[in-house]
Amino acid sequence: MTNGHLPAIEQLTPEQSWDLLAETTVGRLAIRQGSGVDLFPINYLTHEHKIYFRSGPGTKLIELTDEPDVAFEADGRDGHHQWSVVIRGIATRLDTDTEIIDSGVKTLKSWYPDGKFNYVRIDAATIVGRRFLPHFLGD
């Protein structure tokens, strides 16, 4: 309790965080690029506590091969609460048909009109979820 009020931010358990990630399909992928960091919006899905997405050839895939340490963030609204989940982990390009099919990533729709025939998995090293309570947001 702070100043007689409930805490403004609720820390979520890893399981609560994964449940929220499973309810949305758009997130942001942060990767190292040269001497900086770049951010890409991605369509994704979760499967067995992993993040999966599709990628076309290009910068993102090249950088992930050279620097597989990534951060991933997704957020949304849960009733009257905003939430955010951040994962830090390792991105790996998938090379087995079994994992591609079993994960469901092959059927993931993309915003990008050209084919995205590279499939990537993020294995989470850490996951941090937070729910922001209404009075904190001025509701």
C-alpha atoms as a PDB file:
ATOM      1  CA  MET A   1       0.000   0.000   0.000  1.00  0.00           C
ATOM      2  CA  THR A   2       1.220   3.457  -0.898  1.00  0.00           C
ATOM      3  CA  ASN A   3      -0.406   6.587   0.600  1.00  0.00           C
ATOM      4  CA  GLY A   4      -3.497   4.534   1.483  1.00  0.00           C
ATOM      5  CA  HIS A   5      -3.925   3.327  -2.105  1.00  0.00           C
ATOM      6  CA  LEU A   6      -3.322   0.028  -3.790  1.00  0.00           C
ATOM      7  CA  PRO A   7      -0.007  -0.296  -5.625  1.00  0.00           C
ATOM      8  CA  ALA A   8      -0.157   1.347  -9.068  1.00  0.00           C
ATOM      9  CA  ILE A   9       1.710  -1.498 -10.746  1.00  0.00           C
ATOM     10  CA  GLU A  10       1.040  -5.190 -10.216  1.00  0.00           C
ATOM     11  CA  GLN A  11       3.846  -7.622 -10.988  1.00  0.00           C
ATOM     12  CA  LEU A  12       2.510 -10.616 -12.920  1.00  0.00           C
ATOM     13  CA  THR A  13       3.637 -14.194 -12.578  1.00  0.00           C
ATOM     14  CA  PRO A  14       5.322 -15.810 -15.580  1.00  0.00           C
ATOM     15  CA  GLU A  15       2.178 -17.889 -16.181  1.00  0.00           C
ATOM     16  CA  GLN A  16      -0.064 -14.790 -16.115  1.00  0.00           C
ATOM     17  CA  SER A  17       2.353 -13.111 -18.530  1.00  0.00           C
ATOM     18  CA  TRP A  18       2.269 -16.037 -20.979  1.00  0.00           C
ATOM     19  CA  ASP A  19      -1.536 -16.106 -20.784  1.00  0.00           C
ATOM     20  CA  LEU A  20      -1.697 -12.420 -21.774  1.00  0.00           C
ATOM     21  CA  LEU A  21       0.812 -12.920 -24.606  1.00  0.00           C
ATOM     22  CA  ALA A  22      -1.386 -15.705 -25.983  1.00  0.00           C
ATOM     23  CA  GLU A  23      -4.329 -13.270 -26.239  1.00  0.00           C
ATOM     24  CA  THR A  24      -2.690 -10.854 -28.681  1.00  0.00           C
ATOM     25  CA  THR A  25      -0.732 -11.239 -31.908  1.00  0.00           C
ATOM     26  CA  VAL A  26       1.325  -8.053 -32.323  1.00  0.00           C
ATOM     27  CA  GLY A  27       4.522  -7.245 -30.473  1.00  0.00           C
ATOM     28  CA  ARG A  28       7.839  -5.473 -30.886  1.00  0.00           C
ATOM     29  CA  LEU A  29      11.183  -7.160 -31.392  1.00  0.00           C
ATOM     30  CA  ALA A  30      14.343  -5.317 -30.346  1.00  0.00           C
ATOM     31  CA  ILE A  31      17.576  -6.524 -31.911  1.00  0.00           C
ATOM     32  CA  ARG A  32      21.157  -5.312 -31.950  1.00  0.00           C
ATOM     33  CA  GLN A  33      22.090  -3.715 -35.224  1.00  0.00           C
ATOM     34  CA  GLY A  34      25.623  -2.507 -35.715  1.00  0.00           C
ATOM     35  CA  SER A  35      26.433  -0.236 -32.785  1.00  0.00           C
ATOM     36  CA  GLY A  36      22.784   0.367 -31.888  1.00  0.00           C
ATOM     37  CA  VAL A  37      19.442  -1.285 -31.408  1.00  0.00           C
ATOM     38  CA  ASP A  38      16.530  -1.490 -33.833  1.00  0.00           C
ATOM     39  CA  LEU A  39      12.875  -2.227 -33.188  1.00  0.00           C
ATOM     40  CA  PHE A  40      10.519  -4.159 -35.468  1.00  0.00           C
ATOM     41  CA  PRO A  41       6.774  -4.677 -35.105  1.00  0.00           C
ATOM     42  CA  ILE A  42       5.975  -8.348 -35.609  1.00  0.00           C
ATOM     43  CA  ASN A  43       2.996 -10.650 -35.782  1.00  0.00           C
ATOM     44  CA  TYR A  44       3.616 -13.544 -33.421  1.00  0.00           C
ATOM     45  CA  LEU A  45       2.123 -16.485 -31.628  1.00  0.00           C
ATOM     46  CA  THR A  46       3.013 -18.377 -28.492  1.00  0.00           C
ATOM     47  CA  HIS A  47       3.479 -22.117 -28.230  1.00  0.00           C
ATOM     48  CA  GLU A  48       4.816 -23.991 -25.196  1.00  0.00           C
ATOM     49  CA  HIS A  49       6.183 -20.790 -23.601  1.00  0.00           C
ATOM     50  CA  LYS A  50       8.053 -19.695 -26.698  1.00  0.00           C
ATOM     51  CA  ILE A  51       7.448 -16.849 -29.140  1.00  0.00           C
ATOM     52  CA  TYR A  52       7.248 -17.674 -32.862  1.00  0.00           C
ATOM     53  CA  PHE A  53       7.191 -15.319 -35.834  1.00  0.00           C
ATOM     54  CA  ARG A  54       7.789 -15.253 -39.578  1.00  0.00           C
ATOM     55  CA  SER A  55      10.403 -13.157 -41.349  1.00  0.00           C
ATOM     56  CA  GLY A  56      11.311 -12.343 -44.888  1.00  0.00           C
ATOM     57  CA  PRO A  57      14.940 -12.161 -45.954  1.00  0.00           C
ATOM     58  CA  GLY A  58      16.678  -8.944 -44.977  1.00  0.00           C
ATOM     59  CA  THR A  59      18.140  -6.916 -42.159  1.00  0.00           C
ATOM     60  CA  LYS A  60      16.168  -8.451 -39.310  1.00  0.00           C
ATOM     61  CA  LEU A  61      17.090 -12.031 -40.225  1.00  0.00           C
ATOM     62  CA  ILE A  62      20.739 -11.170 -40.908  1.00  0.00           C
ATOM     63  CA  GLU A  63      21.097  -9.332 -37.590  1.00  0.00           C
ATOM     64  CA  LEU A  64      19.389 -12.159 -35.672  1.00  0.00           C
ATOM     65  CA  THR A  65      21.912 -14.601 -37.089  1.00  0.00           C
ATOM     66  CA  ASP A  66      24.836 -12.429 -35.975  1.00  0.00           C
ATOM     67  CA  GLU A  67      23.325 -11.235 -32.661  1.00  0.00           C
ATOM     68  CA  PRO A  68      20.643 -13.662 -31.422  1.00  0.00           C
ATOM     69  CA  ASP A  69      20.135 -11.911 -28.045  1.00  0.00           C
ATOM     70  CA  VAL A  70      16.799 -10.103 -28.320  1.00  0.00           C
ATOM     71  CA  ALA A  71      14.112  -8.377 -26.332  1.00  0.00           C
ATOM     72  CA  PHE A  72      10.443  -8.757 -27.157  1.00  0.00           C
ATOM     73  CA  GLU A  73       7.545  -6.683 -25.818  1.00  0.00           C
ATOM     74  CA  ALA A  74       3.806  -6.888 -26.209  1.00  0.00           C
ATOM     75  CA  ASP A  75       1.105  -4.959 -24.423  1.00  0.00           C
ATOM     76  CA  GLY A  76      -2.622  -4.661 -24.303  1.00  0.00           C
ATOM     77  CA  ARG A  77      -5.688  -3.997 -22.272  1.00  0.00           C
ATOM     78  CA  ASP A  78      -7.192  -6.523 -19.866  1.00  0.00           C
ATOM     79  CA  GLY A  79     -10.573  -5.207 -18.769  1.00  0.00           C
ATOM     80  CA  HIS A  80      -9.781  -1.835 -17.185  1.00  0.00           C
ATOM     81  CA  HIS A  81      -6.058  -2.556 -16.856  1.00  0.00           C
ATOM     82  CA  GLN A  82      -3.190  -1.949 -19.255  1.00  0.00           C
ATOM     83  CA  TRP A  83      -0.476  -4.591 -19.254  1.00  0.00           C
ATOM     84  CA  SER A  84       3.003  -5.056 -20.658  1.00  0.00           C
ATOM     85  CA  VAL A  85       5.150  -8.174 -20.947  1.00  0.00           C
ATOM     86  CA  VAL A  86       8.863  -8.060 -21.772  1.00  0.00           C
ATOM     87  CA  ILE A  87      10.886 -11.121 -22.690  1.00  0.00           C
ATOM     88  CA  ARG A  88      14.633 -11.270 -23.034  1.00  0.00           C
ATOM     89  CA  GLY A  89      15.991 -14.318 -24.770  1.00  0.00           C
ATOM     90  CA  ILE A  90      17.631 -15.948 -27.758  1.00  0.00           C
ATOM     91  CA  ALA A  91      16.188 -15.940 -31.289  1.00  0.00           C
ATOM     92  CA  THR A  92      16.804 -19.006 -33.438  1.00  0.00           C
ATOM     93  CA  ARG A  93      15.843 -19.549 -37.065  1.00  0.00           C
ATOM     94  CA  LEU A  94      13.903 -22.802 -37.322  1.00  0.00           C
ATOM     95  CA  ASP A  95      15.223 -25.449 -39.653  1.00  0.00           C
ATOM     96  CA  THR A  96      13.047 -28.477 -38.923  1.00  0.00           C
ATOM     97  CA  ASP A  97       9.646 -28.979 -40.514  1.00  0.00           C
ATOM     98  CA  THR A  98       8.403 -30.715 -37.366  1.00  0.00           C
ATOM     99  CA  GLU A  99       8.860 -27.673 -35.120  1.00  0.00           C
ATOM    100  CA  ILE A 100       7.529 -25.300 -37.783  1.00  0.00           C
ATOM    101  CA  ILE A 101       4.358 -27.364 -38.182  1.00  0.00           C
ATOM    102  CA  ASP A 102       3.904 -28.199 -34.487  1.00  0.00           C
ATOM    103  CA  SER A 103       4.270 -24.561 -33.388  1.00  0.00           C
ATOM    104  CA  GLY A 104       1.631 -23.299 -35.834  1.00  0.00           C
ATOM    105  CA  VAL A 105       3.900 -20.481 -37.046  1.00  0.00           C
ATOM    106  CA  LYS A 106       3.479 -21.525 -40.677  1.00  0.00           C
ATOM    107  CA  THR A 107      -0.184 -20.453 -40.542  1.00  0.00           C
ATOM    108  CA  LEU A 108       0.563 -17.108 -38.847  1.00  0.00           C
ATOM    109  CA  LYS A 109      -0.755 -14.232 -40.952  1.00  0.00           C
ATOM    110  CA  SER A 110       1.589 -11.342 -41.665  1.00  0.00           C
ATOM    111  CA  TRP A 111       0.868  -7.670 -42.368  1.00  0.00           C
ATOM    112  CA  TYR A 112       3.614  -7.676 -44.960  1.00  0.00           C
ATOM    113  CA  PRO A 113       2.351  -8.571 -48.460  1.00  0.00           C
ATOM    114  CA  ASP A 114       5.435 -10.515 -49.642  1.00  0.00           C
ATOM    115  CA  GLY A 115       6.203 -14.045 -48.577  1.00  0.00           C
ATOM    116  CA  LYS A 116       7.823 -14.599 -45.208  1.00  0.00           C
ATOM    117  CA  PHE A 117       9.241 -18.080 -45.415  1.00  0.00           C
ATOM    118  CA  ASN A 118      11.711 -17.908 -42.536  1.00  0.00           C
ATOM    119  CA  TYR A 119      10.446 -19.012 -39.157  1.00  0.00           C
ATOM    120  CA  VAL A 120      11.985 -17.824 -35.886  1.00  0.00           C
ATOM    121  CA  ARG A 121      11.603 -18.941 -32.274  1.00  0.00           C
ATOM    122  CA  ILE A 122      12.452 -16.850 -29.220  1.00  0.00           C
ATOM    123  CA  ASP A 123      13.439 -18.877 -26.172  1.00  0.00           C
ATOM    124  CA  ALA A 124      12.789 -16.768 -23.096  1.00  0.00           C
ATOM    125  CA  ALA A 125      15.607 -16.366 -20.581  1.00  0.00           C
ATOM    126  CA  THR A 126      13.485 -13.921 -18.541  1.00  0.00           C
ATOM    127  CA  ILE A 127       9.886 -12.771 -18.647  1.00  0.00           C
ATOM    128  CA  VAL A 128       8.561  -9.754 -16.756  1.00  0.00           C
ATOM    129  CA  GLY A 129       4.898  -8.838 -16.803  1.00  0.00           C
ATOM    130  CA  ARG A 130       3.227  -5.811 -15.301  1.00  0.00           C
ATOM    131  CA  ARG A 131      -0.372  -4.714 -15.014  1.00  0.00           C
ATOM    132  CA  PHE A 132      -1.015  -0.998 -14.592  1.00  0.00           C
ATOM    133  CA  LEU A 133      -4.008  -0.302 -12.406  1.00  0.00           C
ATOM    134  CA  PRO A 134      -6.624   2.279 -13.485  1.00  0.00           C
ATOM    135  CA  HIS A 135      -5.965   4.942 -10.854  1.00  0.00           C
ATOM    136  CA  PHE A 136      -2.355   5.043 -12.033  1.00  0.00           C
ATOM    137  CA  LEU A 137      -3.506   5.789 -15.576  1.00  0.00           C
ATOM    138  CA  GLY A 138      -5.876   8.531 -14.506  1.00  0.00           C
ATOM    139  CA  ASP A 139      -9.054   6.470 -15.060  1.00  0.00           C
END
